[in-house]
N, C-alpha and C. Protein backbone atom coordinates (compact mmCIF):
# COMPACT_ATOMS: atom_id res chain seq x y z
N MET A 1 141.31 77.23 91.51
CA MET A 1 139.86 77.36 91.71
C MET A 1 139.55 77.84 93.12
N THR A 2 140.28 77.30 94.10
CA THR A 2 140.06 77.69 95.49
C THR A 2 140.41 79.15 95.72
N SER A 3 141.54 79.57 95.14
CA SER A 3 141.95 80.97 95.29
C SER A 3 140.97 81.91 94.62
N LEU A 4 140.38 81.45 93.51
CA LEU A 4 139.39 82.27 92.82
C LEU A 4 138.16 82.48 93.68
N LEU A 5 137.72 81.42 94.34
CA LEU A 5 136.54 81.53 95.22
C LEU A 5 136.83 82.42 96.42
N GLN A 6 138.07 82.37 96.90
CA GLN A 6 138.43 83.19 98.06
C GLN A 6 138.45 84.67 97.73
N ASN A 7 138.69 85.00 96.46
CA ASN A 7 138.75 86.40 96.05
C ASN A 7 137.39 86.99 95.71
N ILE A 8 136.36 86.16 95.74
CA ILE A 8 135.02 86.65 95.40
C ILE A 8 134.47 87.51 96.55
N ASP A 9 133.96 88.65 96.20
CA ASP A 9 133.32 89.53 97.18
C ASP A 9 131.82 89.16 97.21
N TYR A 10 131.42 88.48 98.28
CA TYR A 10 130.04 87.97 98.34
C TYR A 10 129.02 89.08 98.58
N GLU A 11 129.49 90.29 98.88
CA GLU A 11 128.56 91.40 99.02
C GLU A 11 127.88 91.73 97.68
N ILE A 12 128.57 91.38 96.59
CA ILE A 12 127.98 91.61 95.27
C ILE A 12 126.68 90.83 95.12
N PHE A 13 126.66 89.59 95.61
CA PHE A 13 125.45 88.77 95.50
C PHE A 13 124.33 89.34 96.36
N ILE A 14 124.73 89.92 97.50
CA ILE A 14 123.72 90.60 98.34
C ILE A 14 123.13 91.78 97.59
N LYS A 15 123.99 92.53 96.92
CA LYS A 15 123.51 93.69 96.16
C LYS A 15 122.54 93.27 95.06
N PHE A 16 122.87 92.22 94.34
CA PHE A 16 121.98 91.74 93.29
C PHE A 16 120.65 91.25 93.86
N GLY A 17 120.72 90.58 95.02
CA GLY A 17 119.49 90.09 95.65
C GLY A 17 118.59 91.21 96.10
N VAL A 18 119.18 92.24 96.74
CA VAL A 18 118.40 93.39 97.20
C VAL A 18 117.82 94.14 96.01
N THR A 19 118.62 94.33 94.97
CA THR A 19 118.15 95.02 93.76
C THR A 19 116.99 94.27 93.12
N ALA A 20 117.11 92.95 93.00
CA ALA A 20 116.05 92.15 92.38
C ALA A 20 114.76 92.24 93.19
N PHE A 21 114.88 92.22 94.51
CA PHE A 21 113.70 92.28 95.37
C PHE A 21 112.99 93.64 95.24
N LEU A 22 113.77 94.73 95.31
CA LEU A 22 113.17 96.06 95.21
C LEU A 22 112.62 96.31 93.81
N GLY A 23 113.34 95.86 92.79
CA GLY A 23 112.84 95.99 91.42
C GLY A 23 111.57 95.20 91.21
N MET A 24 111.48 94.03 91.84
CA MET A 24 110.28 93.20 91.75
C MET A 24 109.08 93.90 92.39
N MET A 25 109.30 94.64 93.47
CA MET A 25 108.21 95.33 94.15
C MET A 25 107.55 96.36 93.23
N ILE A 26 108.36 97.19 92.60
CA ILE A 26 107.76 98.20 91.73
C ILE A 26 107.26 97.58 90.43
N GLY A 27 107.90 96.50 89.99
CA GLY A 27 107.43 95.80 88.79
C GLY A 27 106.07 95.17 88.98
N LEU A 28 105.84 94.59 90.15
CA LEU A 28 104.54 93.98 90.45
C LEU A 28 103.44 95.03 90.51
N GLU A 29 103.77 96.21 91.05
CA GLU A 29 102.78 97.28 91.12
C GLU A 29 102.32 97.68 89.73
N ARG A 30 103.26 97.77 88.78
CA ARG A 30 102.90 98.10 87.38
C ARG A 30 102.19 96.93 86.71
N GLU A 31 102.61 95.70 87.04
CA GLU A 31 102.03 94.50 86.43
C GLU A 31 100.57 94.37 86.82
N ILE A 32 100.27 94.64 88.09
CA ILE A 32 98.89 94.54 88.57
C ILE A 32 97.99 95.52 87.84
N LYS A 33 98.53 96.70 87.51
CA LYS A 33 97.75 97.72 86.81
C LYS A 33 97.76 97.54 85.30
N ARG A 34 98.38 96.45 84.82
CA ARG A 34 98.43 96.16 83.38
C ARG A 34 99.08 97.28 82.58
N LYS A 35 100.15 97.84 83.12
CA LYS A 35 100.87 98.89 82.44
C LYS A 35 101.94 98.30 81.53
N PRO A 36 102.44 99.11 80.55
CA PRO A 36 103.46 98.58 79.62
C PRO A 36 104.72 98.11 80.33
N LEU A 37 105.10 98.81 81.39
CA LEU A 37 106.28 98.41 82.16
C LEU A 37 105.87 97.31 83.13
N GLY A 38 106.46 96.12 82.98
CA GLY A 38 106.09 95.00 83.84
C GLY A 38 107.21 94.53 84.73
N LEU A 39 107.01 93.36 85.29
CA LEU A 39 107.95 92.78 86.24
C LEU A 39 109.32 92.54 85.61
N LYS A 40 109.32 91.93 84.43
CA LYS A 40 110.60 91.58 83.80
C LYS A 40 111.40 92.82 83.42
N THR A 41 110.71 93.84 82.93
CA THR A 41 111.41 95.07 82.54
C THR A 41 112.07 95.74 83.73
N CYS A 42 111.34 95.83 84.85
CA CYS A 42 111.90 96.45 86.06
C CYS A 42 113.09 95.67 86.58
N LEU A 43 112.99 94.34 86.56
CA LEU A 43 114.09 93.52 87.05
C LEU A 43 115.34 93.68 86.18
N VAL A 44 115.13 93.68 84.88
CA VAL A 44 116.28 93.82 83.98
C VAL A 44 116.96 95.17 84.17
N ILE A 45 116.18 96.24 84.21
CA ILE A 45 116.75 97.58 84.34
C ILE A 45 117.49 97.74 85.67
N SER A 46 116.86 97.31 86.77
CA SER A 46 117.48 97.50 88.09
C SER A 46 118.73 96.65 88.26
N ILE A 47 118.68 95.39 87.81
CA ILE A 47 119.84 94.51 87.99
C ILE A 47 121.02 94.94 87.11
N VAL A 48 120.74 95.30 85.86
CA VAL A 48 121.82 95.74 84.98
C VAL A 48 122.40 97.07 85.46
N SER A 49 121.55 97.96 85.97
CA SER A 49 122.04 99.22 86.52
C SER A 49 122.95 98.96 87.72
N CYS A 50 122.56 97.99 88.55
CA CYS A 50 123.38 97.60 89.69
C CYS A 50 124.73 97.07 89.22
N LEU A 51 124.70 96.20 88.22
CA LEU A 51 125.94 95.63 87.68
C LEU A 51 126.87 96.71 87.15
N LEU A 52 126.33 97.62 86.35
CA LEU A 52 127.15 98.67 85.77
C LEU A 52 127.72 99.61 86.84
N THR A 53 126.94 99.85 87.90
CA THR A 53 127.44 100.69 88.99
C THR A 53 128.59 100.01 89.72
N ILE A 54 128.44 98.71 89.97
CA ILE A 54 129.53 97.95 90.63
C ILE A 54 130.77 97.97 89.76
N VAL A 55 130.60 97.70 88.48
CA VAL A 55 131.74 97.69 87.56
C VAL A 55 132.40 99.07 87.51
N SER A 56 131.56 100.12 87.47
CA SER A 56 132.10 101.48 87.40
C SER A 56 132.94 101.82 88.62
N ILE A 57 132.44 101.48 89.80
CA ILE A 57 133.16 101.79 91.03
C ILE A 57 134.44 100.98 91.14
N ARG A 58 134.35 99.69 90.85
CA ARG A 58 135.50 98.81 91.03
C ARG A 58 136.61 99.08 90.02
N THR A 59 136.24 99.35 88.77
CA THR A 59 137.28 99.60 87.77
C THR A 59 138.01 100.90 88.02
N SER A 60 137.32 101.88 88.63
CA SER A 60 137.99 103.15 88.90
C SER A 60 139.13 102.97 89.89
N TYR A 61 138.99 102.01 90.81
CA TYR A 61 140.06 101.75 91.78
C TYR A 61 141.06 100.72 91.25
N THR A 62 140.58 99.81 90.41
CA THR A 62 141.49 98.79 89.85
C THR A 62 142.52 99.42 88.92
N PHE A 63 142.05 100.27 88.02
CA PHE A 63 142.96 100.88 87.06
C PHE A 63 143.73 102.05 87.65
N ASN A 64 143.36 102.43 88.86
CA ASN A 64 144.11 103.48 89.56
C ASN A 64 145.44 102.94 90.08
N GLN A 65 145.54 101.60 90.22
CA GLN A 65 146.75 100.98 90.73
C GLN A 65 147.43 100.23 89.58
N THR A 66 148.28 100.91 88.87
CA THR A 66 148.95 100.31 87.73
C THR A 66 150.42 100.09 88.03
N ASP A 67 151.06 99.32 87.16
CA ASP A 67 152.49 99.04 87.32
C ASP A 67 153.36 100.18 86.80
N PHE A 68 152.71 101.15 86.15
CA PHE A 68 153.46 102.27 85.60
C PHE A 68 153.47 103.43 86.60
N LYS A 69 154.27 104.40 86.36
CA LYS A 69 154.37 105.54 87.25
C LYS A 69 153.34 106.61 86.91
N VAL A 70 152.47 106.28 85.97
CA VAL A 70 151.40 107.21 85.59
C VAL A 70 150.18 106.95 86.47
N ARG A 71 149.67 107.97 87.12
CA ARG A 71 148.49 107.80 87.98
C ARG A 71 147.24 108.10 87.16
N ILE A 72 146.36 107.11 87.06
CA ILE A 72 145.12 107.25 86.29
C ILE A 72 143.98 107.61 87.24
N THR A 73 143.37 108.73 86.99
CA THR A 73 142.25 109.19 87.82
C THR A 73 140.95 108.96 87.06
N MET A 74 140.03 108.23 87.67
CA MET A 74 138.76 107.90 87.02
C MET A 74 137.60 108.20 87.96
N ASP A 75 136.50 108.63 87.39
CA ASP A 75 135.29 108.90 88.16
C ASP A 75 134.61 107.57 88.50
N PRO A 76 134.44 107.23 89.78
CA PRO A 76 133.86 105.92 90.13
C PRO A 76 132.40 105.76 89.73
N LEU A 77 131.71 106.84 89.44
CA LEU A 77 130.28 106.74 89.06
C LEU A 77 130.04 107.25 87.64
N ARG A 78 131.04 107.13 86.80
CA ARG A 78 130.89 107.64 85.43
C ARG A 78 129.83 106.85 84.66
N LEU A 79 129.79 105.51 84.85
CA LEU A 79 128.78 104.71 84.16
C LEU A 79 127.39 104.98 84.71
N ALA A 80 127.31 105.19 86.03
CA ALA A 80 126.00 105.46 86.65
C ALA A 80 125.39 106.74 86.08
N ALA A 81 126.23 107.73 85.81
CA ALA A 81 125.72 108.97 85.23
C ALA A 81 125.14 108.73 83.84
N GLN A 82 125.74 107.84 83.08
CA GLN A 82 125.24 107.52 81.75
C GLN A 82 123.96 106.70 81.81
N ILE A 83 123.80 105.90 82.86
CA ILE A 83 122.57 105.12 83.03
C ILE A 83 121.38 106.06 83.17
N VAL A 84 121.53 107.10 84.00
CA VAL A 84 120.44 108.05 84.23
C VAL A 84 120.00 108.70 82.92
N SER A 85 120.98 109.04 82.07
CA SER A 85 120.64 109.66 80.78
C SER A 85 120.07 108.64 79.80
N GLY A 86 120.72 107.48 79.71
CA GLY A 86 120.31 106.49 78.72
C GLY A 86 118.96 105.87 78.97
N VAL A 87 118.57 105.73 80.24
CA VAL A 87 117.29 105.08 80.53
C VAL A 87 116.11 105.95 80.10
N GLY A 88 116.39 107.25 79.86
CA GLY A 88 115.32 108.13 79.39
C GLY A 88 114.77 107.70 78.04
N PHE A 89 115.59 107.07 77.21
CA PHE A 89 115.11 106.59 75.90
C PHE A 89 114.09 105.47 76.09
N ILE A 90 114.31 104.62 77.09
CA ILE A 90 113.34 103.56 77.36
C ILE A 90 112.04 104.16 77.87
N GLY A 91 112.17 105.14 78.76
CA GLY A 91 110.98 105.78 79.31
C GLY A 91 110.15 106.47 78.25
N ALA A 92 110.82 107.07 77.26
CA ALA A 92 110.09 107.75 76.18
C ALA A 92 109.25 106.77 75.37
N GLY A 93 109.66 105.51 75.34
CA GLY A 93 108.95 104.52 74.55
C GLY A 93 107.60 104.12 75.12
N VAL A 94 107.34 104.43 76.40
CA VAL A 94 106.06 104.04 77.00
C VAL A 94 105.11 105.23 77.13
N ILE A 95 105.55 106.41 76.69
CA ILE A 95 104.68 107.59 76.74
C ILE A 95 103.90 107.66 75.44
N LEU A 96 102.59 107.66 75.55
CA LEU A 96 101.71 107.62 74.37
C LEU A 96 100.84 108.87 74.33
N LYS A 97 100.57 109.35 73.13
CA LYS A 97 99.64 110.45 72.93
C LYS A 97 98.50 109.96 72.06
N LYS A 98 97.30 110.03 72.59
CA LYS A 98 96.14 109.52 71.87
C LYS A 98 95.54 110.62 71.00
N GLU A 99 94.55 110.25 70.21
CA GLU A 99 93.93 111.18 69.27
C GLU A 99 93.31 112.37 69.97
N ASN A 100 92.81 112.16 71.20
CA ASN A 100 92.18 113.26 71.93
C ASN A 100 93.19 114.05 72.76
N ASP A 101 94.49 113.93 72.42
CA ASP A 101 95.57 114.66 73.09
C ASP A 101 95.78 114.22 74.53
N THR A 102 95.24 113.06 74.90
CA THR A 102 95.48 112.52 76.23
C THR A 102 96.87 111.89 76.26
N ILE A 103 97.65 112.25 77.27
CA ILE A 103 99.00 111.73 77.43
C ILE A 103 98.95 110.58 78.44
N LEU A 104 99.46 109.43 78.05
CA LEU A 104 99.48 108.26 78.91
C LEU A 104 100.92 107.79 79.10
N GLY A 105 101.20 107.19 80.25
CA GLY A 105 102.48 106.53 80.46
C GLY A 105 103.53 107.36 81.18
N LEU A 106 103.19 108.55 81.66
CA LEU A 106 104.19 109.38 82.34
C LEU A 106 104.66 108.74 83.64
N THR A 107 103.70 108.20 84.40
CA THR A 107 104.08 107.53 85.66
C THR A 107 104.92 106.30 85.38
N THR A 108 104.56 105.54 84.36
CA THR A 108 105.33 104.35 84.00
C THR A 108 106.75 104.73 83.59
N ALA A 109 106.90 105.82 82.84
CA ALA A 109 108.23 106.29 82.45
C ALA A 109 109.05 106.68 83.68
N ALA A 110 108.38 107.30 84.66
CA ALA A 110 109.08 107.67 85.89
C ALA A 110 109.50 106.42 86.68
N ILE A 111 108.67 105.37 86.64
CA ILE A 111 109.01 104.13 87.32
C ILE A 111 110.23 103.48 86.68
N ILE A 112 110.37 103.59 85.35
CA ILE A 112 111.56 103.08 84.68
C ILE A 112 112.81 103.79 85.21
N TRP A 113 112.71 105.10 85.35
CA TRP A 113 113.81 105.89 85.90
C TRP A 113 114.11 105.44 87.33
N GLU A 114 113.03 105.15 88.07
CA GLU A 114 113.21 104.67 89.45
C GLU A 114 113.93 103.33 89.48
N ALA A 115 113.57 102.42 88.56
CA ALA A 115 114.23 101.11 88.52
C ALA A 115 115.73 101.25 88.31
N ALA A 116 116.11 102.19 87.44
CA ALA A 116 117.54 102.44 87.24
C ALA A 116 118.17 103.01 88.51
N GLY A 117 117.44 103.89 89.18
CA GLY A 117 117.95 104.46 90.43
C GLY A 117 118.14 103.42 91.52
N ILE A 118 117.25 102.43 91.54
CA ILE A 118 117.40 101.34 92.51
C ILE A 118 118.71 100.60 92.28
N GLY A 119 118.97 100.26 91.02
CA GLY A 119 120.20 99.56 90.71
C GLY A 119 121.43 100.36 91.07
N ILE A 120 121.42 101.66 90.77
CA ILE A 120 122.57 102.51 91.08
C ILE A 120 122.76 102.63 92.59
N GLY A 121 121.66 102.85 93.31
CA GLY A 121 121.75 103.01 94.76
C GLY A 121 122.27 101.77 95.46
N VAL A 122 121.72 100.61 95.11
CA VAL A 122 122.17 99.37 95.74
C VAL A 122 123.58 99.02 95.28
N GLY A 123 123.87 99.25 94.00
CA GLY A 123 125.21 98.96 93.50
C GLY A 123 126.27 99.78 94.19
N ALA A 124 125.93 100.99 94.59
CA ALA A 124 126.87 101.85 95.31
C ALA A 124 126.92 101.53 96.80
N GLY A 125 126.06 100.62 97.26
CA GLY A 125 126.10 100.19 98.65
C GLY A 125 125.12 100.87 99.58
N TYR A 126 124.19 101.66 99.04
CA TYR A 126 123.22 102.36 99.88
C TYR A 126 121.93 101.54 99.98
N TYR A 127 121.98 100.49 100.78
CA TYR A 127 120.85 99.56 100.88
C TYR A 127 119.65 100.22 101.55
N PHE A 128 119.86 100.74 102.74
CA PHE A 128 118.75 101.28 103.53
C PHE A 128 118.12 102.47 102.82
N GLU A 129 118.94 103.36 102.30
CA GLU A 129 118.43 104.56 101.64
C GLU A 129 117.58 104.20 100.42
N THR A 130 118.06 103.22 99.63
CA THR A 130 117.33 102.82 98.44
C THR A 130 116.01 102.14 98.79
N ALA A 131 116.04 101.26 99.79
CA ALA A 131 114.82 100.56 100.22
C ALA A 131 113.80 101.56 100.75
N PHE A 132 114.27 102.55 101.49
CA PHE A 132 113.37 103.56 102.03
C PHE A 132 112.76 104.39 100.91
N ALA A 133 113.56 104.71 99.89
CA ALA A 133 113.05 105.48 98.75
C ALA A 133 111.97 104.70 98.01
N VAL A 134 112.18 103.38 97.82
CA VAL A 134 111.18 102.54 97.16
C VAL A 134 109.88 102.52 97.97
N LEU A 135 110.01 102.40 99.29
CA LEU A 135 108.82 102.39 100.15
C LEU A 135 108.05 103.69 100.03
N ILE A 136 108.75 104.82 100.06
CA ILE A 136 108.09 106.12 99.95
C ILE A 136 107.40 106.26 98.60
N ILE A 137 108.06 105.81 97.52
CA ILE A 137 107.48 105.92 96.18
C ILE A 137 106.21 105.09 96.07
N LEU A 138 106.25 103.85 96.58
CA LEU A 138 105.07 102.99 96.53
C LEU A 138 103.91 103.59 97.32
N LEU A 139 104.23 104.18 98.46
CA LEU A 139 103.19 104.84 99.25
C LEU A 139 102.60 106.03 98.50
N CYS A 140 103.47 106.79 97.84
CA CYS A 140 102.99 107.95 97.09
C CYS A 140 102.13 107.53 95.90
N VAL A 141 102.54 106.48 95.21
CA VAL A 141 101.81 106.03 94.02
C VAL A 141 100.45 105.43 94.40
N LYS A 142 100.38 104.75 95.54
CA LYS A 142 99.16 104.05 95.93
C LYS A 142 98.31 104.84 96.93
N LEU A 143 98.95 105.31 98.02
CA LEU A 143 98.19 105.87 99.13
C LEU A 143 97.74 107.31 98.87
N VAL A 144 98.62 108.15 98.34
CA VAL A 144 98.29 109.56 98.17
C VAL A 144 97.11 109.76 97.22
N PRO A 145 97.09 109.13 96.01
CA PRO A 145 95.90 109.30 95.15
C PRO A 145 94.62 108.76 95.80
N PHE A 146 94.75 107.65 96.54
CA PHE A 146 93.59 107.08 97.24
C PHE A 146 93.02 108.07 98.25
N THR A 147 93.91 108.76 98.98
CA THR A 147 93.47 109.72 100.00
C THR A 147 92.86 110.96 99.36
N LEU A 148 93.53 111.50 98.34
CA LEU A 148 93.05 112.73 97.71
C LEU A 148 91.71 112.54 97.01
N ARG A 149 91.45 111.31 96.53
CA ARG A 149 90.17 111.05 95.87
C ARG A 149 89.01 111.12 96.86
N ARG A 150 89.29 111.05 98.13
CA ARG A 150 88.24 111.06 99.14
C ARG A 150 88.13 112.37 99.90
N ILE A 151 89.24 113.04 100.11
CA ILE A 151 89.19 114.27 100.90
C ILE A 151 89.76 115.47 100.15
N GLY A 152 90.20 115.28 98.92
CA GLY A 152 90.80 116.37 98.16
C GLY A 152 89.76 117.24 97.49
N PRO A 153 90.20 118.32 96.81
CA PRO A 153 89.27 119.17 96.06
C PRO A 153 88.60 118.41 94.93
N LYS A 154 87.54 118.99 94.39
CA LYS A 154 86.71 118.30 93.40
C LYS A 154 87.50 117.79 92.19
N PRO A 155 88.40 118.59 91.58
CA PRO A 155 89.13 118.07 90.41
C PRO A 155 89.92 116.80 90.72
N LEU A 156 90.40 116.64 91.96
CA LEU A 156 91.16 115.46 92.33
C LEU A 156 90.27 114.27 92.65
N ARG A 157 88.98 114.53 92.84
CA ARG A 157 88.03 113.45 93.10
C ARG A 157 87.35 112.98 91.83
N GLU A 158 87.78 113.53 90.71
CA GLU A 158 87.20 113.16 89.43
C GLU A 158 88.21 112.41 88.57
N ARG A 159 87.68 111.65 87.63
CA ARG A 159 88.51 111.00 86.62
C ARG A 159 87.98 111.39 85.25
N GLU A 160 88.84 111.27 84.26
CA GLU A 160 88.45 111.68 82.91
C GLU A 160 87.77 110.54 82.16
N VAL A 161 86.73 110.89 81.44
CA VAL A 161 86.02 109.94 80.59
C VAL A 161 85.83 110.60 79.22
N ASN A 162 86.18 109.89 78.18
CA ASN A 162 85.99 110.39 76.82
C ASN A 162 84.70 109.81 76.24
N LEU A 163 83.80 110.70 75.89
CA LEU A 163 82.49 110.31 75.39
C LEU A 163 82.38 110.71 73.92
N LYS A 164 82.06 109.73 73.07
CA LYS A 164 81.90 109.99 71.64
C LYS A 164 80.45 109.67 71.25
N LEU A 165 79.76 110.68 70.70
CA LEU A 165 78.35 110.53 70.36
C LEU A 165 78.15 110.79 68.87
N ILE A 166 77.29 110.00 68.25
CA ILE A 166 76.85 110.25 66.87
C ILE A 166 75.40 110.72 66.96
N VAL A 167 75.14 111.94 66.47
CA VAL A 167 73.79 112.52 66.57
C VAL A 167 73.24 112.72 65.16
N SER A 168 71.91 112.82 65.08
CA SER A 168 71.25 112.85 63.78
C SER A 168 71.02 114.26 63.24
N GLU A 169 70.87 115.26 64.10
CA GLU A 169 70.53 116.60 63.65
C GLU A 169 71.33 117.64 64.43
N ASN A 170 71.62 118.77 63.74
CA ASN A 170 72.36 119.85 64.39
C ASN A 170 71.62 120.40 65.61
N GLU A 171 70.29 120.42 65.51
CA GLU A 171 69.50 121.01 66.59
C GLU A 171 69.65 120.25 67.90
N ASN A 172 70.05 118.99 67.82
CA ASN A 172 70.15 118.18 69.03
C ASN A 172 71.43 118.44 69.83
N ILE A 173 72.43 119.06 69.20
CA ILE A 173 73.74 119.18 69.84
C ILE A 173 73.67 120.01 71.12
N GLU A 174 73.07 121.18 71.04
CA GLU A 174 73.00 122.06 72.22
C GLU A 174 72.18 121.40 73.33
N THR A 175 71.10 120.73 72.95
CA THR A 175 70.27 120.04 73.95
C THR A 175 71.05 118.93 74.64
N ILE A 176 71.83 118.20 73.87
CA ILE A 176 72.62 117.09 74.43
C ILE A 176 73.64 117.62 75.44
N ILE A 177 74.32 118.69 75.09
CA ILE A 177 75.33 119.27 76.00
C ILE A 177 74.68 119.76 77.29
N GLU A 178 73.49 120.36 77.16
CA GLU A 178 72.79 120.84 78.35
C GLU A 178 72.36 119.69 79.25
N GLU A 179 71.94 118.58 78.64
CA GLU A 179 71.54 117.41 79.44
C GLU A 179 72.74 116.82 80.19
N ILE A 180 73.88 116.85 79.56
CA ILE A 180 75.09 116.34 80.22
C ILE A 180 75.47 117.24 81.40
N ARG A 181 75.38 118.55 81.21
CA ARG A 181 75.67 119.49 82.30
C ARG A 181 74.69 119.31 83.45
N ALA A 182 73.43 119.02 83.11
CA ALA A 182 72.41 118.85 84.16
C ALA A 182 72.71 117.65 85.04
N LYS A 183 73.52 116.70 84.54
CA LYS A 183 73.91 115.52 85.32
C LYS A 183 75.08 115.80 86.26
N LYS A 184 75.49 117.07 86.32
CA LYS A 184 76.61 117.50 87.17
C LYS A 184 77.96 116.94 86.71
N PHE A 185 78.04 116.54 85.45
CA PHE A 185 79.33 116.15 84.90
C PHE A 185 80.11 117.41 84.49
N THR A 186 81.40 117.39 84.69
CA THR A 186 82.24 118.51 84.28
C THR A 186 82.66 118.31 82.83
N ILE A 187 82.33 119.26 81.98
CA ILE A 187 82.72 119.18 80.57
C ILE A 187 84.04 119.93 80.40
N ASN A 188 85.09 119.20 80.11
CA ASN A 188 86.41 119.81 79.95
C ASN A 188 86.64 120.32 78.53
N SER A 189 86.15 119.59 77.55
CA SER A 189 86.32 120.01 76.15
C SER A 189 85.25 119.37 75.29
N VAL A 190 84.93 120.05 74.17
CA VAL A 190 83.94 119.55 73.22
C VAL A 190 84.50 119.71 71.81
N ASP A 191 84.41 118.65 71.03
CA ASP A 191 84.87 118.68 69.64
C ASP A 191 83.73 118.15 68.75
N ILE A 192 83.26 118.99 67.82
CA ILE A 192 82.14 118.63 66.95
C ILE A 192 82.61 118.57 65.51
N SER A 193 82.28 117.50 64.82
CA SER A 193 82.66 117.36 63.41
C SER A 193 81.50 116.76 62.62
N ASP A 194 81.43 117.13 61.33
CA ASP A 194 80.37 116.65 60.46
C ASP A 194 80.72 115.28 59.88
N LEU A 195 79.68 114.46 59.73
CA LEU A 195 79.82 113.15 59.09
C LEU A 195 78.93 113.10 57.86
N ASP A 196 78.91 111.97 57.19
CA ASP A 196 78.05 111.81 56.02
C ASP A 196 76.59 111.71 56.44
N GLN A 197 75.70 111.93 55.49
CA GLN A 197 74.25 111.79 55.67
C GLN A 197 73.70 112.73 56.74
N GLY A 198 74.30 113.90 56.87
CA GLY A 198 73.78 114.90 57.79
C GLY A 198 73.98 114.61 59.26
N LYS A 199 74.84 113.67 59.59
CA LYS A 199 75.09 113.35 61.00
C LYS A 199 76.31 114.11 61.53
N GLN A 200 76.39 114.22 62.84
CA GLN A 200 77.51 114.88 63.49
C GLN A 200 78.12 113.96 64.55
N GLU A 201 79.42 114.14 64.75
CA GLU A 201 80.12 113.41 65.80
C GLU A 201 80.56 114.40 66.87
N ILE A 202 80.20 114.10 68.11
CA ILE A 202 80.56 114.97 69.24
C ILE A 202 81.52 114.20 70.14
N LYS A 203 82.70 114.76 70.34
CA LYS A 203 83.67 114.18 71.27
C LYS A 203 83.74 115.07 72.50
N ILE A 204 83.40 114.50 73.63
CA ILE A 204 83.34 115.27 74.87
C ILE A 204 84.27 114.64 75.91
N ASN A 205 85.13 115.46 76.48
CA ASN A 205 85.98 115.01 77.58
C ASN A 205 85.31 115.42 78.88
N LEU A 206 84.90 114.42 79.65
CA LEU A 206 84.14 114.66 80.88
C LEU A 206 85.00 114.44 82.12
N GLY A 207 84.66 115.18 83.16
CA GLY A 207 85.19 114.91 84.49
C GLY A 207 84.05 114.36 85.33
N VAL A 208 84.17 113.11 85.78
CA VAL A 208 83.10 112.47 86.57
C VAL A 208 83.68 112.00 87.89
N HIS A 209 82.83 111.81 88.86
CA HIS A 209 83.27 111.30 90.16
C HIS A 209 83.94 109.94 89.97
N PHE A 210 85.02 109.69 90.70
CA PHE A 210 85.81 108.47 90.46
C PHE A 210 85.02 107.19 90.72
N LYS A 211 83.92 107.29 91.48
CA LYS A 211 83.11 106.11 91.76
C LYS A 211 82.04 105.86 90.70
N THR A 212 81.86 106.80 89.79
CA THR A 212 80.82 106.65 88.78
C THR A 212 81.19 105.55 87.78
N PRO A 213 80.40 104.50 87.66
CA PRO A 213 80.74 103.41 86.72
C PRO A 213 80.57 103.86 85.27
N VAL A 214 81.37 103.28 84.40
CA VAL A 214 81.30 103.61 82.98
C VAL A 214 79.94 103.22 82.39
N THR A 215 79.37 102.14 82.89
CA THR A 215 78.07 101.69 82.38
C THR A 215 76.97 102.72 82.62
N LYS A 216 77.05 103.41 83.75
CA LYS A 216 76.04 104.43 84.05
C LYS A 216 76.13 105.56 83.04
N ILE A 217 77.35 105.96 82.68
CA ILE A 217 77.53 107.02 81.69
C ILE A 217 77.03 106.55 80.32
N TYR A 218 77.31 105.29 80.00
CA TYR A 218 76.88 104.73 78.71
C TYR A 218 75.35 104.71 78.59
N TYR A 219 74.67 104.21 79.62
CA TYR A 219 73.21 104.14 79.57
C TYR A 219 72.59 105.53 79.54
N PHE A 220 73.18 106.45 80.27
CA PHE A 220 72.66 107.83 80.26
C PHE A 220 72.79 108.44 78.87
N ALA A 221 73.96 108.28 78.25
CA ALA A 221 74.18 108.86 76.92
C ALA A 221 73.25 108.24 75.88
N ASN A 222 72.99 106.94 76.01
CA ASN A 222 72.08 106.27 75.08
C ASN A 222 70.64 106.73 75.23
N SER A 223 70.32 107.23 76.41
CA SER A 223 68.93 107.66 76.65
C SER A 223 68.65 109.07 76.15
N ILE A 224 69.68 109.81 75.76
CA ILE A 224 69.49 111.19 75.30
C ILE A 224 68.85 111.18 73.90
N HIS A 225 67.85 112.00 73.74
CA HIS A 225 67.13 112.07 72.47
C HIS A 225 68.06 112.58 71.36
N GLY A 226 68.05 111.90 70.23
CA GLY A 226 68.86 112.31 69.09
C GLY A 226 70.19 111.60 68.97
N VAL A 227 70.60 110.89 70.02
CA VAL A 227 71.87 110.17 70.01
C VAL A 227 71.66 108.81 69.36
N GLN A 228 72.43 108.52 68.31
CA GLN A 228 72.28 107.26 67.58
C GLN A 228 73.36 106.24 67.95
N LYS A 229 74.51 106.71 68.35
CA LYS A 229 75.61 105.79 68.67
C LYS A 229 76.45 106.38 69.79
N VAL A 230 76.90 105.51 70.70
CA VAL A 230 77.65 105.96 71.88
C VAL A 230 78.94 105.15 72.01
N ASN A 231 80.01 105.85 72.34
CA ASN A 231 81.26 105.20 72.66
C ASN A 231 81.84 105.89 73.90
N VAL A 232 82.14 105.09 74.94
CA VAL A 232 82.68 105.63 76.19
C VAL A 232 84.05 105.00 76.45
N GLU A 233 85.01 105.86 76.77
CA GLU A 233 86.37 105.39 77.03
C GLU A 233 86.88 105.97 78.33
N SER A 234 87.36 105.11 79.21
CA SER A 234 87.90 105.54 80.49
C SER A 234 89.15 104.74 80.79
N HIS A 235 90.18 105.40 81.35
CA HIS A 235 91.45 104.73 81.66
C HIS A 235 91.60 104.46 83.14
N CYS A 236 90.61 104.73 83.95
CA CYS A 236 90.71 104.53 85.39
C CYS A 236 89.77 103.43 85.84
């Protein structure tokens, strides 16, 4: 038992601790935003990636020293290469396409890839480089969008809002669209479909200032003549 403890490389525990801490940082950022990728998922991916990287590196040198005269050559990062490919399947599971062709979850999928990268980097012994990469990513995810929303061009200062209106008459459609334009909202797309009893459904993808509350859009849409029902959807 004593000899077994003496042979333990305690740097492995440091690697697991650093990996868990860095994985927790990006996991908390996703958890706060209520994204599909949470704290537990990031921790599992980063820690297991770290474990597989350590195993990959160590086995390549262990099996290189055999009792036979045959020299076995192994790639020390062969498992790490498979992690990068395999984690893409997990990332694909959080990418969603909604009925209005809106794609959600791309950033979350990239964070999954990042969690695997954290495990590989720390497992290979690159503590400072991995920690610095996590810091830069968190700054980019949080600070850059915050800055661009205030000093960037107009499209970057807007967020998308999906507006669904039920109107009573065809004649009201053009008037409704003109009233929305008069509010200085950017109309990205319009989809009109017929319903029963002579009603129409208008789906409008709007670009509005990021500070504009959803309630303001809802009350404005309800005040338009001819609109019988309003549904507003925003992901920001």
